[in-house]
Amino acid sequence: MKRQRAGKKTSLKIGIIKNNKYQNLLDGIMLLAGTGLAAVAIQCIYEPMHLIIGGFSGISIIIKNLTANGGAQGIPVWFTNMALNIPLFFAAYRIEGRSVVQRAVLGTVLSSLWLYFIPTINLPQGDYMIAAILGGVLSGAGMGLILRAKTTTGGTETLATLIHRYLPQYSTVQLILIQNGIIVLGGLYVFGFRAAMYALVSIFISGKVSNAITEGFKFSKVTYIITNEYEQVSQRIMKELHRGVTGLRAEGMYSGEEKCMLYCVVSPKEIVRVKEIVAAVDERAFVIVSDAREVFGEGFLRHF
């Protein structure tokens, strides 16, 4: 019996080690791909089109433009990005500790290396709309993969974390928005109104793409059904759609009556059928439908 238990514990430890190695490898691939996509957006879209969407990369583009003289190219974006982050990491290490800085350093180094090796090519060929859309998609996809790898590339995120310690009345997100807002205003001053407006479009697209990658592409629908015919409705949903239904005990605060509220998660294409079933059984039923970004479990996404 003891040998069996020892064998199970050993197998469990081996399984955990294998899963950790697989996850670390996956994180590394996502980080490499994410920093690469973000670097392409900076070098081939934002920098040649002078779109400033915030972050240390935005500051780097402004500095490169201001230091350009005649035929000189100005201070490279990769160099400024690294130079701005180095003192920040030393400060973060002393204040926050090693765990906060370790992954951010890796993300910053990879990002700067990509910026160094990728040549500056004007992909949009002067078209601001293409630049805003393509740049937003590439930078958003890159940032989404970086966040999925549980990493950052330093910059305004790290700076906001440090400032938050001394200004706790402001959240980290608020501080990031303030910093990026100042950087975008700097781009407005240096590159003009048109570039700044298209930069805002790119920021919007980038945020949407990044959220889609970090929160998942597979949407589901959550249904709350309040009906007196809850048994018949639940039986039909389970039988016809093969979806589980949970009955939640509730009380009508106006009538004081006890009720059973049905809770069910279905795919977007099944929600129409759910509403048809409810309407056929009880036309007076009260139905609430909301979005669920990700659902893990049988019939939906697999657990990590």
Protein backbone atom coordinates (compact mmCIF):
# COMPACT_ATOMS: atom_id res chain seq x y z
CA MET A 1 0.00 0.00 0.00
CA LYS A 2 2.81 2.40 0.93
CA ARG A 3 4.63 1.51 -2.29
CA GLN A 4 1.49 2.32 -4.31
CA ARG A 5 1.13 5.70 -2.60
CA ALA A 6 4.82 6.46 -3.16
CA GLY A 7 4.43 5.48 -6.81
CA LYS A 8 1.41 7.79 -7.21
CA LYS A 9 3.27 10.70 -5.58
CA THR A 10 6.27 10.14 -7.85
CA SER A 11 4.05 10.03 -10.95
CA LEU A 12 2.31 13.20 -9.82
CA LYS A 13 5.63 15.01 -9.34
CA ILE A 14 6.85 13.88 -12.77
CA GLY A 15 3.59 15.06 -14.32
CA ILE A 16 3.89 18.48 -12.66
CA ILE A 17 7.50 18.85 -13.83
CA LYS A 18 6.53 17.92 -17.41
CA ASN A 19 3.61 20.38 -17.36
CA ASN A 20 5.87 23.14 -16.02
CA LYS A 21 8.47 22.48 -18.73
CA TYR A 22 5.75 22.51 -21.40
CA GLN A 23 4.27 25.74 -20.03
CA ASN A 24 7.68 27.42 -19.82
CA LEU A 25 8.41 26.41 -23.42
CA LEU A 26 5.02 27.72 -24.54
CA ASP A 27 5.58 30.98 -22.64
CA GLY A 28 8.98 31.36 -24.29
CA ILE A 29 7.54 30.85 -27.78
CA MET A 30 4.71 33.33 -27.12
CA LEU A 31 7.17 35.89 -25.71
CA LEU A 32 9.49 35.53 -28.72
CA ALA A 33 6.61 35.82 -31.18
CA GLY A 34 4.93 38.65 -29.26
CA THR A 35 8.02 40.84 -29.02
CA GLY A 36 8.72 40.15 -32.70
CA LEU A 37 5.25 41.26 -33.82
CA ALA A 38 5.40 44.37 -31.65
CA ALA A 39 8.84 45.21 -33.06
CA VAL A 40 7.59 44.85 -36.66
CA ALA A 41 4.75 47.27 -35.86
CA ILE A 42 7.23 49.79 -34.42
CA GLN A 43 9.97 49.51 -37.06
CA CYS A 44 7.86 49.06 -40.17
CA ILE A 45 4.72 51.07 -39.36
CA TYR A 46 4.82 53.42 -36.38
CA GLU A 47 8.36 54.76 -36.80
CA PRO A 48 8.24 55.51 -40.57
CA MET A 49 4.68 56.90 -40.31
CA HIS A 50 5.38 58.85 -37.07
CA LEU A 51 2.46 57.29 -35.17
CA ILE A 52 2.98 57.56 -31.42
CA ILE A 53 0.78 55.17 -29.43
CA GLY A 54 2.56 55.61 -26.10
CA GLY A 55 5.11 53.56 -24.19
CA PHE A 56 8.88 53.86 -24.26
CA SER A 57 8.80 52.94 -27.95
CA GLY A 58 6.82 56.12 -28.58
CA ILE A 59 9.40 58.18 -26.68
CA SER A 60 12.14 56.43 -28.68
CA ILE A 61 10.51 57.38 -32.00
CA ILE A 62 10.19 61.02 -30.90
CA ILE A 63 13.84 61.12 -29.77
CA LYS A 64 15.00 59.55 -33.04
CA ASN A 65 13.18 62.21 -35.01
CA LEU A 66 14.46 65.09 -32.86
CA THR A 67 18.08 63.88 -33.04
CA ALA A 68 18.04 63.32 -36.81
CA ASN A 69 20.16 65.93 -38.57
CA GLY A 70 20.43 66.14 -42.34
CA GLY A 71 21.29 62.67 -43.60
CA ALA A 72 21.84 61.30 -40.08
CA GLN A 73 19.26 58.80 -38.85
CA GLY A 74 19.12 59.94 -35.25
CA ILE A 75 19.41 57.78 -32.13
CA PRO A 76 18.09 54.28 -32.94
CA VAL A 77 14.79 53.22 -31.39
CA TRP A 78 16.27 50.03 -29.93
CA PHE A 79 19.03 51.94 -28.14
CA THR A 80 16.70 54.51 -26.54
CA ASN A 81 14.26 51.78 -25.52
CA MET A 82 17.00 49.86 -23.73
CA ALA A 83 18.62 52.98 -22.25
CA LEU A 84 15.32 54.15 -20.73
CA ASN A 85 14.58 50.74 -19.22
CA ILE A 86 17.97 49.99 -17.61
CA PRO A 87 17.77 52.58 -14.77
CA LEU A 88 14.11 51.73 -14.34
CA PHE A 89 14.92 48.06 -13.77
CA PHE A 90 17.58 48.90 -11.19
CA ALA A 91 15.05 51.02 -9.31
CA ALA A 92 12.39 48.32 -9.58
CA TYR A 93 14.84 45.68 -8.34
CA ARG A 94 15.66 47.71 -5.23
CA ILE A 95 12.05 48.64 -4.49
CA GLU A 96 9.99 45.67 -5.68
CA GLY A 97 12.49 42.80 -5.66
CA ARG A 98 13.81 40.30 -8.17
CA SER A 99 10.53 38.54 -9.02
CA VAL A 100 8.95 41.69 -10.47
CA VAL A 101 11.94 42.55 -12.65
CA GLN A 102 13.14 39.17 -13.92
CA ARG A 103 10.59 38.53 -16.68
CA ALA A 104 10.32 42.20 -17.63
CA VAL A 105 14.08 42.29 -18.29
CA LEU A 106 13.79 39.29 -20.60
CA GLY A 107 10.90 40.90 -22.48
CA THR A 108 12.79 44.20 -22.84
CA VAL A 109 15.99 42.53 -24.07
CA LEU A 110 14.09 40.49 -26.68
CA SER A 111 12.14 43.55 -27.78
CA SER A 112 15.33 45.62 -28.19
CA LEU A 113 17.04 42.80 -30.10
CA TRP A 114 14.12 42.57 -32.51
CA LEU A 115 14.21 46.35 -32.97
CA TYR A 116 17.95 46.15 -33.68
CA PHE A 117 17.73 43.42 -36.33
CA ILE A 118 14.47 44.37 -38.08
CA PRO A 119 15.15 47.03 -40.75
CA THR A 120 12.99 50.15 -40.98
CA ILE A 121 10.62 49.54 -43.90
CA ASN A 122 7.61 51.72 -44.63
CA LEU A 123 4.98 49.01 -45.11
CA PRO A 124 1.94 51.35 -45.35
CA GLN A 125 3.67 53.41 -48.09
CA GLY A 126 2.31 56.68 -46.69
CA ASP A 127 -1.28 55.45 -46.14
CA TYR A 128 -2.27 56.45 -42.59
CA MET A 129 -5.39 54.28 -42.47
CA ILE A 130 -3.46 51.14 -43.41
CA ALA A 131 -0.82 52.12 -40.86
CA ALA A 132 -3.40 52.56 -38.08
CA ILE A 133 -5.16 49.26 -38.80
CA LEU A 134 -2.14 47.09 -39.55
CA GLY A 135 -0.11 48.62 -36.74
CA GLY A 136 -2.97 48.12 -34.28
CA VAL A 137 -3.41 44.48 -35.26
CA LEU A 138 0.30 43.64 -35.09
CA SER A 139 1.04 45.54 -31.87
CA GLY A 140 -2.15 44.25 -30.22
CA ALA A 141 -1.35 40.66 -31.18
CA GLY A 142 2.20 41.11 -29.93
CA MET A 143 1.13 42.60 -26.60
CA GLY A 144 -1.54 39.92 -26.17
CA LEU A 145 1.04 37.14 -26.62
CA ILE A 146 3.46 38.90 -24.25
CA LEU A 147 0.76 39.14 -21.58
CA ARG A 148 -0.26 35.50 -22.16
CA ALA A 149 3.38 34.63 -21.46
CA LYS A 150 2.97 36.44 -18.09
CA THR A 151 5.63 38.98 -19.06
CA THR A 152 5.92 42.69 -19.82
CA THR A 153 8.45 44.71 -21.79
CA GLY A 154 9.07 47.14 -18.94
CA GLY A 155 8.46 50.74 -19.94
CA THR A 156 5.38 52.56 -18.70
CA GLU A 157 4.03 49.43 -16.95
CA THR A 158 7.09 49.16 -14.69
CA LEU A 159 7.24 52.93 -14.16
CA ALA A 160 3.56 53.00 -13.20
CA THR A 161 4.15 50.20 -10.67
CA LEU A 162 6.92 52.23 -9.02
CA ILE A 163 4.93 55.48 -9.01
CA HIS A 164 1.93 53.66 -7.50
CA ARG A 165 3.94 52.99 -4.33
CA TYR A 166 4.24 56.74 -3.74
CA LEU A 167 0.85 57.73 -5.16
CA PRO A 168 -1.45 54.90 -3.99
CA GLN A 169 -4.56 57.03 -4.60
CA TYR A 170 -4.07 56.36 -8.31
CA SER A 171 -4.35 52.84 -9.71
CA THR A 172 -1.59 51.37 -11.88
CA VAL A 173 -3.91 51.42 -14.91
CA GLN A 174 -4.67 55.11 -14.36
CA LEU A 175 -0.97 55.91 -14.11
CA ILE A 176 -0.23 54.01 -17.35
CA LEU A 177 -3.01 55.91 -19.13
CA ILE A 178 -1.66 59.25 -17.86
CA GLN A 179 1.88 58.43 -19.00
CA ASN A 180 0.78 57.22 -22.42
CA GLY A 181 -1.47 60.27 -22.78
CA ILE A 182 1.52 62.56 -22.19
CA ILE A 183 3.58 60.61 -24.74
CA VAL A 184 0.78 60.80 -27.34
CA LEU A 185 0.56 64.57 -26.75
CA GLY A 186 4.31 64.72 -27.36
CA GLY A 187 3.72 62.96 -30.68
CA LEU A 188 0.98 65.49 -31.47
CA TYR A 189 3.41 68.36 -30.86
CA VAL A 190 6.27 66.84 -32.89
CA PHE A 191 4.44 65.13 -35.76
CA GLY A 192 1.18 67.04 -36.03
CA PHE A 193 -2.56 66.52 -35.66
CA ARG A 194 -3.12 63.99 -38.46
CA ALA A 195 -0.54 61.49 -37.20
CA ALA A 196 -1.86 61.84 -33.63
CA MET A 197 -5.48 61.13 -34.67
CA TYR A 198 -4.52 58.00 -36.60
CA ALA A 199 -2.38 56.95 -33.63
CA LEU A 200 -5.53 57.05 -31.47
CA VAL A 201 -7.29 54.77 -33.98
CA SER A 202 -4.36 52.36 -33.78
CA ILE A 203 -4.44 52.45 -29.97
CA PHE A 204 -8.14 51.46 -30.03
CA ILE A 205 -7.55 48.57 -32.46
CA SER A 206 -4.49 47.41 -30.53
CA GLY A 207 -6.45 47.28 -27.28
CA LYS A 208 -9.25 45.25 -28.86
CA VAL A 209 -6.87 42.72 -30.43
CA SER A 210 -4.81 42.43 -27.25
CA ASN A 211 -7.94 41.80 -25.14
CA ALA A 212 -9.17 39.19 -27.61
CA ILE A 213 -5.91 37.25 -27.33
CA THR A 214 -5.56 37.50 -23.55
CA GLU A 215 -9.23 36.81 -22.78
CA GLY A 216 -9.88 34.31 -25.56
CA PHE A 217 -11.62 34.22 -28.92
CA LYS A 218 -14.26 31.65 -28.02
CA PHE A 219 -17.37 33.36 -26.69
CA SER A 220 -20.33 31.71 -25.01
CA LYS A 221 -23.72 32.88 -23.82
CA VAL A 222 -24.96 32.80 -20.24
CA THR A 223 -28.73 32.53 -19.77
CA TYR A 224 -30.77 33.26 -16.64
CA ILE A 225 -34.37 32.05 -16.94
CA ILE A 226 -37.08 32.87 -14.39
CA THR A 227 -40.19 30.82 -15.04
CA ASN A 228 -42.82 28.85 -13.16
CA GLU A 229 -42.36 26.03 -15.67
CA TYR A 230 -38.71 25.54 -14.77
CA GLU A 231 -38.87 21.74 -14.76
CA GLN A 232 -40.21 21.50 -18.31
CA VAL A 233 -37.85 24.20 -19.62
CA SER A 234 -34.78 22.57 -18.05
CA GLN A 235 -35.73 19.11 -19.31
CA ARG A 236 -36.14 20.34 -22.87
CA ILE A 237 -32.80 22.22 -22.83
CA MET A 238 -30.96 19.19 -21.47
CA LYS A 239 -32.67 16.79 -23.89
CA GLU A 240 -32.63 18.89 -27.07
CA LEU A 241 -29.36 20.79 -26.66
CA HIS A 242 -27.49 18.37 -24.38
CA ARG A 243 -26.48 21.25 -22.13
CA GLY A 244 -26.43 21.21 -18.35
CA VAL A 245 -28.85 23.42 -16.44
CA THR A 246 -28.49 24.59 -12.83
CA GLY A 247 -31.48 25.57 -10.71
CA LEU A 248 -30.83 28.47 -8.33
CA ARG A 249 -33.27 29.10 -5.51
CA ALA A 250 -34.52 32.70 -5.61
CA GLU A 251 -37.19 34.85 -4.01
CA GLY A 252 -39.31 37.49 -5.69
CA MET A 253 -38.84 40.55 -3.51
CA TYR A 254 -42.14 42.12 -4.60
CA SER A 255 -44.34 39.01 -4.37
CA GLY A 256 -42.37 37.25 -1.65
CA GLU A 257 -42.75 33.99 -3.60
CA GLU A 258 -39.97 31.43 -3.82
CA LYS A 259 -38.82 30.79 -7.36
CA CYS A 260 -36.32 28.64 -9.21
CA MET A 261 -34.03 30.53 -11.56
CA LEU A 262 -32.39 28.44 -14.26
CA TYR A 263 -28.75 29.08 -15.13
CA CYS A 264 -27.38 27.72 -18.39
CA VAL A 265 -24.28 28.31 -20.57
CA VAL A 266 -24.57 27.62 -24.30
CA SER A 267 -22.75 28.46 -27.52
CA PRO A 268 -23.80 31.60 -29.48
CA LYS A 269 -25.57 29.55 -32.14
CA GLU A 270 -27.59 27.67 -29.48
CA ILE A 271 -28.95 30.76 -27.75
CA VAL A 272 -31.68 31.18 -30.39
CA ARG A 273 -32.91 27.66 -29.71
CA VAL A 274 -32.91 28.29 -25.93
CA LYS A 275 -35.14 31.35 -26.39
CA GLU A 276 -37.46 29.36 -28.67
CA ILE A 277 -37.79 26.60 -26.06
CA VAL A 278 -38.55 29.06 -23.27
CA ALA A 279 -41.11 30.95 -25.39
CA ALA A 280 -42.84 27.69 -26.38
CA VAL A 281 -43.15 26.54 -22.75
CA ASP A 282 -43.84 29.83 -20.97
CA GLU A 283 -44.45 33.07 -22.86
CA ARG A 284 -44.36 35.02 -19.57
CA ALA A 285 -40.88 33.79 -18.64
CA PHE A 286 -38.19 36.34 -17.86
CA VAL A 287 -34.94 35.68 -19.74
CA ILE A 288 -31.56 37.41 -19.33
CA VAL A 289 -28.76 36.72 -21.82
CA SER A 290 -25.17 37.89 -21.31
CA ASP A 291 -21.74 37.17 -22.81
CA ALA A 292 -19.16 34.84 -21.31
CA ARG A 293 -15.63 35.42 -22.58
CA GLU A 294 -14.29 31.95 -21.74
CA VAL A 295 -15.93 28.80 -20.37
CA PHE A 296 -13.82 25.85 -19.26
CA GLY A 297 -15.26 22.39 -18.77
CA GLU A 298 -17.12 19.64 -20.57
CA GLY A 299 -18.54 20.80 -23.90
CA PHE A 300 -16.46 23.98 -23.93
CA LEU A 301 -12.75 24.76 -23.57
CA ARG A 302 -10.33 22.32 -21.99
CA HIS A 303 -8.73 23.27 -18.70
CA PHE A 304 -5.08 24.43 -18.81
